[in-house]
Each structure stands twice: as C-alpha cells, then as structure tokens.
N, C-alpha and C. Protein backbone atom coordinates (compact mmCIF):
# COMPACT_ATOMS: atom_id res chain seq x y z
N MET A 1 0.84 -1.18 0.00
CA MET A 1 0.00 0.00 0.00
C MET A 1 0.88 1.24 0.00
N THR A 2 0.50 2.22 -0.76
CA THR A 2 1.26 3.46 -0.86
C THR A 2 1.12 4.27 0.43
N GLN A 3 2.25 4.74 0.94
CA GLN A 3 2.25 5.59 2.14
C GLN A 3 1.82 7.00 1.77
N SER A 4 0.84 7.54 2.47
CA SER A 4 0.41 8.93 2.28
C SER A 4 1.17 9.81 3.27
N ILE A 5 1.73 10.90 2.76
CA ILE A 5 2.48 11.83 3.60
C ILE A 5 2.03 13.25 3.28
N THR A 6 1.71 14.00 4.32
CA THR A 6 1.35 15.41 4.18
C THR A 6 2.47 16.24 4.79
N ILE A 7 3.01 17.16 3.99
CA ILE A 7 4.04 18.06 4.48
C ILE A 7 3.38 19.39 4.80
N LEU A 8 3.48 19.81 6.06
CA LEU A 8 2.90 21.07 6.51
C LEU A 8 4.01 22.11 6.59
N VAL A 9 3.83 23.23 5.90
CA VAL A 9 4.90 24.21 5.74
C VAL A 9 4.61 25.50 6.50
N GLY A 10 5.57 25.88 7.35
CA GLY A 10 5.56 27.16 8.04
C GLY A 10 6.70 28.00 7.49
N THR A 11 6.39 29.14 6.88
CA THR A 11 7.45 29.92 6.23
C THR A 11 7.15 31.41 6.25
N MET A 12 8.19 32.19 6.23
CA MET A 12 8.07 33.65 6.13
C MET A 12 8.53 34.12 4.75
N THR A 13 9.64 33.55 4.27
CA THR A 13 10.26 34.02 3.03
C THR A 13 10.13 33.04 1.87
N GLY A 14 9.58 31.86 2.12
CA GLY A 14 9.43 30.87 1.06
C GLY A 14 10.48 29.79 1.06
N THR A 15 11.54 29.92 1.86
CA THR A 15 12.59 28.91 1.87
C THR A 15 12.04 27.55 2.32
N ALA A 16 11.24 27.52 3.36
CA ALA A 16 10.69 26.25 3.84
C ALA A 16 9.82 25.59 2.77
N GLU A 17 9.15 26.40 1.96
CA GLU A 17 8.35 25.83 0.87
C GLU A 17 9.24 25.17 -0.18
N LEU A 18 10.37 25.79 -0.51
CA LEU A 18 11.32 25.19 -1.44
C LEU A 18 11.86 23.87 -0.89
N VAL A 19 12.19 23.87 0.39
CA VAL A 19 12.68 22.66 1.03
C VAL A 19 11.60 21.58 1.00
N ALA A 20 10.37 21.95 1.29
CA ALA A 20 9.26 21.00 1.29
C ALA A 20 9.07 20.36 -0.08
N GLU A 21 9.25 21.12 -1.14
CA GLU A 21 9.11 20.57 -2.50
C GLU A 21 10.21 19.54 -2.78
N GLU A 22 11.42 19.78 -2.28
CA GLU A 22 12.51 18.81 -2.43
C GLU A 22 12.24 17.55 -1.62
N ILE A 23 11.70 17.74 -0.41
CA ILE A 23 11.33 16.60 0.42
C ILE A 23 10.25 15.79 -0.28
N LYS A 24 9.27 16.48 -0.84
CA LYS A 24 8.19 15.82 -1.58
C LYS A 24 8.76 14.96 -2.70
N ALA A 25 9.68 15.52 -3.48
CA ALA A 25 10.26 14.78 -4.61
C ALA A 25 11.00 13.54 -4.12
N ALA A 26 11.76 13.67 -3.04
CA ALA A 26 12.51 12.53 -2.51
C ALA A 26 11.58 11.45 -1.97
N LEU A 27 10.53 11.85 -1.27
CA LEU A 27 9.59 10.86 -0.73
C LEU A 27 8.78 10.21 -1.84
N ALA A 28 8.41 10.99 -2.86
CA ALA A 28 7.68 10.43 -4.00
C ALA A 28 8.55 9.41 -4.73
N ALA A 29 9.85 9.68 -4.82
CA ALA A 29 10.77 8.74 -5.47
C ALA A 29 10.86 7.43 -4.68
N ARG A 30 10.53 7.48 -3.40
CA ARG A 30 10.51 6.28 -2.56
C ARG A 30 9.14 5.59 -2.60
N GLY A 31 8.22 6.12 -3.40
CA GLY A 31 6.92 5.48 -3.58
C GLY A 31 5.78 6.05 -2.78
N ALA A 32 6.01 7.13 -2.06
CA ALA A 32 4.95 7.73 -1.25
C ALA A 32 4.07 8.66 -2.08
N ALA A 33 2.83 8.82 -1.64
CA ALA A 33 1.92 9.82 -2.21
C ALA A 33 2.02 11.04 -1.29
N VAL A 34 2.54 12.15 -1.81
CA VAL A 34 2.89 13.29 -0.97
C VAL A 34 2.14 14.54 -1.40
N GLU A 35 1.65 15.28 -0.40
CA GLU A 35 1.02 16.57 -0.65
C GLU A 35 1.65 17.61 0.26
N VAL A 36 1.92 18.79 -0.28
CA VAL A 36 2.48 19.90 0.48
C VAL A 36 1.36 20.91 0.75
N LEU A 37 1.20 21.29 2.03
CA LEU A 37 0.19 22.28 2.41
C LEU A 37 0.83 23.38 3.23
N ALA A 38 0.63 24.63 2.82
CA ALA A 38 1.05 25.75 3.66
C ALA A 38 0.16 25.76 4.89
N MET A 39 0.71 26.15 6.03
CA MET A 39 -0.06 26.13 7.27
C MET A 39 -1.10 27.23 7.35
N ASP A 40 -1.07 28.18 6.43
CA ASP A 40 -2.08 29.25 6.41
C ASP A 40 -3.48 28.64 6.49
N LYS A 41 -4.28 29.11 7.38
CA LYS A 41 -5.69 28.75 7.49
C LYS A 41 -5.96 27.30 7.85
N LEU A 42 -4.92 26.53 8.19
CA LEU A 42 -5.16 25.14 8.61
C LEU A 42 -5.60 25.12 10.07
N THR A 43 -6.37 24.09 10.40
CA THR A 43 -6.80 23.86 11.78
C THR A 43 -6.26 22.50 12.21
N PRO A 44 -6.37 22.16 13.49
CA PRO A 44 -5.92 20.84 13.93
C PRO A 44 -6.61 19.69 13.19
N ALA A 45 -7.74 19.96 12.55
CA ALA A 45 -8.44 18.92 11.78
C ALA A 45 -7.56 18.35 10.67
N VAL A 46 -6.53 19.07 10.26
CA VAL A 46 -5.63 18.57 9.21
C VAL A 46 -5.02 17.23 9.63
N PHE A 47 -4.88 17.01 10.94
CA PHE A 47 -4.31 15.76 11.42
C PHE A 47 -5.29 14.60 11.35
N GLY A 48 -6.49 14.84 10.83
CA GLY A 48 -7.44 13.77 10.55
C GLY A 48 -7.17 13.11 9.21
N ARG A 49 -6.27 13.71 8.42
CA ARG A 49 -5.91 13.12 7.13
C ARG A 49 -5.20 11.78 7.36
N PRO A 50 -5.32 10.86 6.40
CA PRO A 50 -4.62 9.59 6.54
C PRO A 50 -3.11 9.76 6.36
N GLY A 51 -2.36 8.84 6.92
CA GLY A 51 -0.92 8.81 6.68
C GLY A 51 -0.10 9.58 7.69
N ARG A 52 1.14 9.80 7.30
CA ARG A 52 2.11 10.46 8.15
C ARG A 52 2.25 11.93 7.78
N PHE A 53 2.98 12.65 8.64
CA PHE A 53 3.14 14.10 8.46
C PHE A 53 4.61 14.49 8.59
N VAL A 54 4.98 15.52 7.85
CA VAL A 54 6.28 16.17 8.01
C VAL A 54 6.00 17.64 8.27
N ILE A 55 6.58 18.16 9.34
CA ILE A 55 6.52 19.59 9.63
C ILE A 55 7.80 20.18 9.07
N CYS A 56 7.69 21.11 8.15
CA CYS A 56 8.84 21.80 7.57
C CYS A 56 8.66 23.28 7.87
N THR A 57 9.46 23.80 8.80
CA THR A 57 9.23 25.17 9.24
C THR A 57 10.51 25.93 9.51
N SER A 58 10.45 27.20 9.25
CA SER A 58 11.54 28.10 9.61
C SER A 58 11.30 28.60 11.03
N THR A 59 12.21 29.43 11.48
CA THR A 59 12.10 30.08 12.79
C THR A 59 12.11 31.57 12.54
N TYR A 60 11.30 32.30 13.28
CA TYR A 60 11.16 33.73 13.06
C TYR A 60 11.33 34.48 14.37
N GLY A 61 11.90 35.67 14.27
CA GLY A 61 12.01 36.53 15.44
C GLY A 61 12.82 35.90 16.55
N GLN A 62 12.28 35.90 17.73
CA GLN A 62 12.97 35.37 18.92
C GLN A 62 12.63 33.91 19.17
N GLY A 63 12.74 33.09 18.12
CA GLY A 63 12.46 31.66 18.26
C GLY A 63 11.01 31.29 18.07
N ASP A 64 10.28 32.12 17.35
CA ASP A 64 8.85 31.87 17.12
C ASP A 64 8.63 31.03 15.87
N VAL A 65 7.44 30.44 15.78
CA VAL A 65 7.04 29.81 14.53
C VAL A 65 6.66 30.93 13.57
N PRO A 66 6.77 30.70 12.26
CA PRO A 66 6.45 31.75 11.29
C PRO A 66 5.00 32.23 11.39
N ASP A 67 4.74 33.41 10.88
CA ASP A 67 3.40 33.99 10.92
C ASP A 67 2.33 33.04 10.41
N ASN A 68 2.61 32.37 9.28
CA ASN A 68 1.57 31.52 8.68
C ASN A 68 1.33 30.24 9.48
N ALA A 69 2.18 29.96 10.47
CA ALA A 69 2.02 28.76 11.30
C ALA A 69 1.46 29.08 12.69
N GLN A 70 1.39 30.35 13.04
CA GLN A 70 1.02 30.71 14.41
C GLN A 70 -0.39 30.29 14.79
N ALA A 71 -1.36 30.45 13.89
CA ALA A 71 -2.74 30.08 14.23
C ALA A 71 -2.88 28.58 14.46
N LEU A 72 -2.27 27.77 13.60
CA LEU A 72 -2.33 26.32 13.78
C LEU A 72 -1.64 25.92 15.08
N PHE A 73 -0.47 26.47 15.33
CA PHE A 73 0.27 26.16 16.55
C PHE A 73 -0.57 26.50 17.78
N ALA A 74 -1.15 27.69 17.79
CA ALA A 74 -1.96 28.14 18.93
C ALA A 74 -3.19 27.26 19.12
N ALA A 75 -3.83 26.85 18.02
CA ALA A 75 -5.01 26.00 18.11
C ALA A 75 -4.66 24.62 18.67
N LEU A 76 -3.51 24.09 18.27
CA LEU A 76 -3.06 22.81 18.82
C LEU A 76 -2.75 22.94 20.31
N GLU A 77 -2.09 24.03 20.65
CA GLU A 77 -1.69 24.28 22.04
C GLU A 77 -2.90 24.45 22.95
N SER A 78 -3.91 25.18 22.49
CA SER A 78 -5.08 25.43 23.34
C SER A 78 -6.09 24.30 23.30
N GLY A 79 -6.28 23.68 22.13
CA GLY A 79 -7.27 22.62 21.99
C GLY A 79 -6.82 21.27 22.51
N ARG A 80 -5.50 21.03 22.52
CA ARG A 80 -4.91 19.80 23.03
C ARG A 80 -5.57 18.53 22.46
N PRO A 81 -5.69 18.43 21.11
CA PRO A 81 -6.29 17.23 20.54
C PRO A 81 -5.41 16.00 20.79
N ASP A 82 -6.04 14.84 20.81
CA ASP A 82 -5.31 13.58 20.96
C ASP A 82 -4.70 13.23 19.61
N LEU A 83 -3.38 13.28 19.52
CA LEU A 83 -2.69 12.95 18.27
C LEU A 83 -1.92 11.64 18.38
N SER A 84 -2.39 10.74 19.25
CA SER A 84 -1.65 9.51 19.51
C SER A 84 -1.56 8.58 18.30
N ARG A 85 -2.39 8.77 17.30
CA ARG A 85 -2.30 7.93 16.10
C ARG A 85 -1.36 8.53 15.05
N ILE A 86 -0.83 9.73 15.32
CA ILE A 86 -0.03 10.46 14.34
C ILE A 86 1.45 10.08 14.44
N GLU A 87 2.05 9.84 13.27
CA GLU A 87 3.49 9.66 13.15
C GLU A 87 4.00 10.81 12.29
N TYR A 88 5.14 11.38 12.69
CA TYR A 88 5.59 12.59 12.01
C TYR A 88 7.11 12.70 11.99
N GLY A 89 7.59 13.61 11.14
CA GLY A 89 8.99 14.01 11.09
C GLY A 89 9.04 15.52 11.11
N VAL A 90 10.21 16.07 11.46
CA VAL A 90 10.36 17.52 11.54
C VAL A 90 11.63 17.96 10.82
N VAL A 91 11.47 18.97 9.98
CA VAL A 91 12.60 19.65 9.35
C VAL A 91 12.52 21.10 9.80
N GLY A 92 13.50 21.51 10.59
CA GLY A 92 13.55 22.88 11.09
C GLY A 92 14.63 23.67 10.39
N LEU A 93 14.33 24.92 10.08
CA LEU A 93 15.30 25.80 9.44
C LEU A 93 15.66 26.91 10.40
N GLY A 94 16.94 27.18 10.53
CA GLY A 94 17.40 28.22 11.43
C GLY A 94 18.80 28.67 11.08
N ASP A 95 19.38 29.45 11.95
CA ASP A 95 20.71 30.02 11.74
C ASP A 95 21.46 29.99 13.07
N MET A 96 22.59 29.28 13.10
CA MET A 96 23.37 29.16 14.34
C MET A 96 23.92 30.50 14.82
N THR A 97 23.86 31.53 13.98
CA THR A 97 24.24 32.87 14.42
C THR A 97 23.37 33.26 15.62
N TYR A 98 22.15 32.73 15.64
CA TYR A 98 21.20 32.95 16.73
C TYR A 98 21.09 31.66 17.54
N ALA A 99 22.17 31.31 18.22
CA ALA A 99 22.29 30.00 18.88
C ALA A 99 21.17 29.72 19.89
N GLU A 100 20.75 30.73 20.63
CA GLU A 100 19.74 30.50 21.67
C GLU A 100 18.37 30.14 21.10
N THR A 101 18.10 30.55 19.87
CA THR A 101 16.80 30.27 19.26
C THR A 101 16.94 29.42 18.00
N PHE A 102 18.09 28.78 17.81
CA PHE A 102 18.37 28.01 16.60
C PHE A 102 17.30 26.94 16.36
N CYS A 103 16.66 27.01 15.22
CA CYS A 103 15.64 26.05 14.78
C CYS A 103 14.50 25.88 15.78
N GLU A 104 14.25 26.90 16.57
CA GLU A 104 13.24 26.80 17.62
C GLU A 104 11.83 26.59 17.06
N GLY A 105 11.56 27.10 15.85
CA GLY A 105 10.24 26.86 15.24
C GLY A 105 9.97 25.37 15.10
N GLY A 106 10.94 24.63 14.54
CA GLY A 106 10.80 23.19 14.40
C GLY A 106 10.78 22.48 15.73
N LYS A 107 11.63 22.92 16.65
CA LYS A 107 11.68 22.30 17.98
C LYS A 107 10.37 22.49 18.73
N LYS A 108 9.76 23.67 18.58
CA LYS A 108 8.47 23.92 19.25
C LYS A 108 7.38 22.99 18.73
N PHE A 109 7.32 22.83 17.40
CA PHE A 109 6.32 21.91 16.84
C PHE A 109 6.61 20.48 17.31
N ASP A 110 7.88 20.10 17.33
CA ASP A 110 8.25 18.76 17.77
C ASP A 110 7.78 18.51 19.21
N ARG A 111 8.08 19.44 20.10
CA ARG A 111 7.65 19.28 21.51
C ARG A 111 6.13 19.25 21.64
N LEU A 112 5.45 20.13 20.89
CA LEU A 112 4.00 20.19 20.98
C LEU A 112 3.36 18.90 20.49
N LEU A 113 3.76 18.42 19.31
CA LEU A 113 3.17 17.19 18.78
C LEU A 113 3.44 16.01 19.71
N ALA A 114 4.67 15.90 20.21
CA ALA A 114 4.99 14.81 21.14
C ALA A 114 4.14 14.93 22.41
N GLY A 115 3.93 16.13 22.89
CA GLY A 115 3.11 16.35 24.07
C GLY A 115 1.64 16.01 23.86
N LEU A 116 1.21 15.98 22.60
CA LEU A 116 -0.17 15.62 22.27
C LEU A 116 -0.29 14.14 21.91
N GLY A 117 0.80 13.39 22.12
CA GLY A 117 0.77 11.95 21.92
C GLY A 117 1.32 11.44 20.61
N ALA A 118 1.68 12.33 19.69
CA ALA A 118 2.21 11.90 18.39
C ALA A 118 3.61 11.31 18.55
N LYS A 119 3.99 10.47 17.60
CA LYS A 119 5.29 9.79 17.66
C LYS A 119 6.17 10.27 16.52
N ARG A 120 7.33 10.84 16.88
CA ARG A 120 8.27 11.27 15.84
C ARG A 120 9.02 10.05 15.32
N LEU A 121 9.14 9.98 14.01
CA LEU A 121 9.91 8.92 13.36
C LEU A 121 11.25 9.50 12.93
N GLY A 122 12.33 8.90 13.36
CA GLY A 122 13.66 9.36 12.98
C GLY A 122 14.07 10.63 13.70
N GLU A 123 15.21 11.14 13.29
CA GLU A 123 15.76 12.34 13.90
C GLU A 123 15.19 13.59 13.25
N ARG A 124 15.11 14.65 14.02
CA ARG A 124 14.71 15.95 13.48
C ARG A 124 15.90 16.52 12.73
N LEU A 125 15.64 17.12 11.57
CA LEU A 125 16.69 17.85 10.84
C LEU A 125 16.64 19.30 11.29
N ASP A 126 17.75 19.78 11.84
CA ASP A 126 17.90 21.18 12.20
C ASP A 126 18.92 21.78 11.23
N HIS A 127 18.43 22.43 10.19
CA HIS A 127 19.33 22.99 9.17
C HIS A 127 19.88 24.34 9.61
N ASN A 128 21.18 24.52 9.43
CA ASN A 128 21.86 25.77 9.77
C ASN A 128 22.10 26.59 8.51
N ALA A 129 21.43 27.74 8.41
CA ALA A 129 21.60 28.61 7.24
C ALA A 129 23.01 29.15 7.12
N SER A 130 23.76 29.17 8.22
CA SER A 130 25.14 29.64 8.19
C SER A 130 26.12 28.53 7.83
N GLY A 131 25.62 27.31 7.67
CA GLY A 131 26.47 26.17 7.34
C GLY A 131 26.73 26.09 5.85
N ALA A 132 27.41 25.03 5.46
CA ALA A 132 27.83 24.87 4.07
C ALA A 132 26.71 24.38 3.15
N GLY A 133 25.81 23.55 3.68
CA GLY A 133 24.80 22.93 2.83
C GLY A 133 23.60 23.81 2.55
N LEU A 134 23.05 23.66 1.35
CA LEU A 134 21.81 24.36 1.01
C LEU A 134 20.64 23.66 1.72
N PRO A 135 19.66 24.41 2.19
CA PRO A 135 18.56 23.77 2.92
C PRO A 135 17.80 22.75 2.09
N GLU A 136 17.60 23.04 0.81
CA GLU A 136 16.85 22.09 -0.01
C GLU A 136 17.63 20.80 -0.23
N ASP A 137 18.97 20.88 -0.33
CA ASP A 137 19.79 19.68 -0.47
C ASP A 137 19.77 18.86 0.82
N ASP A 138 19.88 19.54 1.96
CA ASP A 138 19.84 18.84 3.24
C ASP A 138 18.46 18.23 3.49
N GLY A 139 17.41 18.93 3.08
CA GLY A 139 16.06 18.40 3.21
C GLY A 139 15.86 17.15 2.38
N ARG A 140 16.37 17.18 1.15
CA ARG A 140 16.26 16.01 0.27
C ARG A 140 17.02 14.83 0.87
N ALA A 141 18.24 15.07 1.36
CA ALA A 141 19.03 13.99 1.95
C ALA A 141 18.32 13.40 3.18
N TRP A 142 17.72 14.25 3.99
CA TRP A 142 16.97 13.78 5.15
C TRP A 142 15.81 12.88 4.70
N ALA A 143 15.06 13.34 3.69
CA ALA A 143 13.89 12.60 3.22
C ALA A 143 14.26 11.26 2.60
N GLU A 144 15.44 11.18 2.00
CA GLU A 144 15.87 9.93 1.37
C GLU A 144 16.08 8.82 2.38
N THR A 145 16.31 9.18 3.64
CA THR A 145 16.55 8.16 4.67
C THR A 145 15.54 8.20 5.81
N TRP A 146 14.57 9.12 5.75
CA TRP A 146 13.58 9.23 6.83
C TRP A 146 12.81 7.92 6.97
N PRO A 147 12.75 7.34 8.17
CA PRO A 147 12.07 6.06 8.36
C PRO A 147 10.58 6.08 8.01
N GLY A 148 9.95 7.25 7.98
CA GLY A 148 8.53 7.33 7.68
C GLY A 148 8.20 7.40 6.20
N GLY A 149 9.20 7.46 5.36
CA GLY A 149 8.97 7.64 3.92
C GLY A 149 8.78 6.34 3.19
N GLY A 150 8.02 6.42 2.10
CA GLY A 150 7.87 5.32 1.17
C GLY A 150 7.39 4.01 1.62
C-alpha cells in the first residue's frame, strides 16, 4: 500500500516551501503519495488526514514559529487534541548565528506534537543557514533516509 504523507509548511520568506518541495520529490521517489500544504488557514483537523506528516518550518524573530504557522500552533496548544495515532517528522530551518533560538520553530512543533501523543519517526533535521549545505539539499538527503517515507 502506498504511504500517504502530508508536508505542513511554516514559512516567512518561502525557503521552507522550497525545502518541502525537495522533500516531496525525494519521498515520491521512494513510492509515497505526498502533498504539500502551507499552514495558512489550517486547523488541527488537518491531522485527521490519513498517513504520516512532516513539519517543515523556519524560525522567526525570537524563536517563534512563522506567521503563517502561528494560528495552527496556537489552536493545537489550546485545543490539546489527541494525536496519539499520528506519526511525524520535523525539518527545522534556522541560523546558528542565533544560537539561543536556533531552529526553535521546528523544535516547538516537535515538543507540541509529542506532548499531544504523536510519535516522531527518525531524527529531526535542524538545518543551519550559516552552514555549508543548502537547505533544499539537506532536506532532500533527510527525506531519502527518513524512516517514515515510502
């Protein structure tokens, strides 16, 4: 059976969306059926979709989730839905120049989903914008080996 994967994107400048498209291509190459959704206007009901999820998000300001992800994050935090059937992965984008808040957007989603009962598959990717690798290349490499893919 084909694995369904929904990639939820939190972004300010579009970089996370580019990374999500590379992740989609890598997971599709592994046989998964993948859809990318911007977090704008999403509610916790999105987690009623079949299959697994990937959170692909940047970090904004003082370690916040991006503007387009704030409503979904807040609704999950306040509503506290049971996500115990959810399996997910996280790709966080950040910059080690801001060490105290590095990839905090992804880390916040990771902590929140785990606190709601969801199970993370594999390691979280914390991409450093000040590092040598391009985020889309690192995202693709992560997706090629993510245990939840394909």
